[in-house]
C-alpha atoms as a PDB file:
ATOM      1  CA  MET A   1     -14.374 -10.818 -14.877  1.00  0.00           C
ATOM      2  CA  THR A   2     -12.935 -14.278 -14.564  1.00  0.00           C
ATOM      3  CA  LEU A   3     -11.022 -15.504 -11.530  1.00  0.00           C
ATOM      4  CA  ARG A   4      -7.778 -15.606 -13.520  1.00  0.00           C
ATOM      5  CA  ASN A   5      -8.100 -11.971 -14.611  1.00  0.00           C
ATOM      6  CA  TYR A   6      -9.002 -10.914 -11.065  1.00  0.00           C
ATOM      7  CA  LEU A   7      -5.936 -12.646  -9.612  1.00  0.00           C
ATOM      8  CA  ILE A   8      -3.691 -11.060 -12.248  1.00  0.00           C
ATOM      9  CA  LEU A   9      -5.188  -7.644 -11.478  1.00  0.00           C
ATOM     10  CA  CYS A  10      -4.670  -8.095  -7.724  1.00  0.00           C
ATOM     11  CA  ALA A  11      -1.082  -9.293  -8.151  1.00  0.00           C
ATOM     12  CA  THR A  12      -0.243  -6.408 -10.482  1.00  0.00           C
ATOM     13  CA  GLY A  13      -1.815  -3.859  -8.147  1.00  0.00           C
ATOM     14  CA  SER A  14       0.029  -5.254  -5.146  1.00  0.00           C
ATOM     15  CA  LEU A  15       3.374  -5.281  -6.932  1.00  0.00           C
ATOM     16  CA  LEU A  16       2.876  -1.759  -8.225  1.00  0.00           C
ATOM     17  CA  SER A  17       1.928  -0.503  -4.750  1.00  0.00           C
ATOM     18  CA  VAL A  18       5.023  -2.046  -3.172  1.00  0.00           C
ATOM     19  CA  LEU A  19       7.302  -0.636  -5.871  1.00  0.00           C
ATOM     20  CA  VAL A  20       5.861   2.851  -5.471  1.00  0.00           C
ATOM     21  CA  LEU A  21       6.322   2.697  -1.693  1.00  0.00           C
ATOM     22  CA  LEU A  22       9.925   1.572  -2.088  1.00  0.00           C
ATOM     23  CA  LEU A  23      11.000   3.810  -4.958  1.00  0.00           C
ATOM     24  CA  VAL A  24       9.136   7.077  -4.285  1.00  0.00           C
ATOM     25  CA  PRO A  25      10.358   8.410  -0.923  1.00  0.00           C
ATOM     26  CA  GLY A  26       7.698  11.108  -0.451  1.00  0.00           C
ATOM     27  CA  VAL A  27       4.799   8.713  -0.868  1.00  0.00           C
ATOM     28  CA  GLY A  28       6.317   6.147   1.484  1.00  0.00           C
ATOM     29  CA  GLU A  29       6.988   8.731   4.187  1.00  0.00           C
ATOM     30  CA  THR A  30       3.481  10.155   3.888  1.00  0.00           C
ATOM     31  CA  ILE A  31       1.831   6.739   4.217  1.00  0.00           C
ATOM     32  CA  GLU A  32       4.139   5.844   7.104  1.00  0.00           C
ATOM     33  CA  GLY A  33       3.220   9.056   8.912  1.00  0.00           C
ATOM     34  CA  LEU A  34      -0.491   8.419   8.415  1.00  0.00           C
ATOM     35  CA  LEU A  35      -0.177   4.855   9.700  1.00  0.00           C
ATOM     36  CA  ILE A  36       1.780   5.958  12.771  1.00  0.00           C
ATOM     37  CA  ALA A  37      -0.766   8.684  13.518  1.00  0.00           C
ATOM     38  CA  PHE A  38      -3.641   6.226  13.122  1.00  0.00           C
ATOM     39  CA  LEU A  39      -2.046   3.565  15.295  1.00  0.00           C
ATOM     40  CA  SER A  40      -0.999   6.000  18.014  1.00  0.00           C
ATOM     41  CA  SER A  41      -4.484   7.504  18.201  1.00  0.00           C
ATOM     42  CA  ASN A  42      -6.089   4.057  18.570  1.00  0.00           C
ATOM     43  CA  ALA A  43      -3.589   2.605  21.036  1.00  0.00           C
ATOM     44  CA  THR A  44      -5.269   2.792  24.408  1.00  0.00           C
END
């Protein structure tokens, strides 16, 4: 895989992830809950 194809793949994956988090409420809330639980359990 060339560098150009890798960068295109990363950019597409990032954009798709952000759009899913913004446009699909259930997925965004689930990920937010997991992040909050993870951060609160590690905050000492």
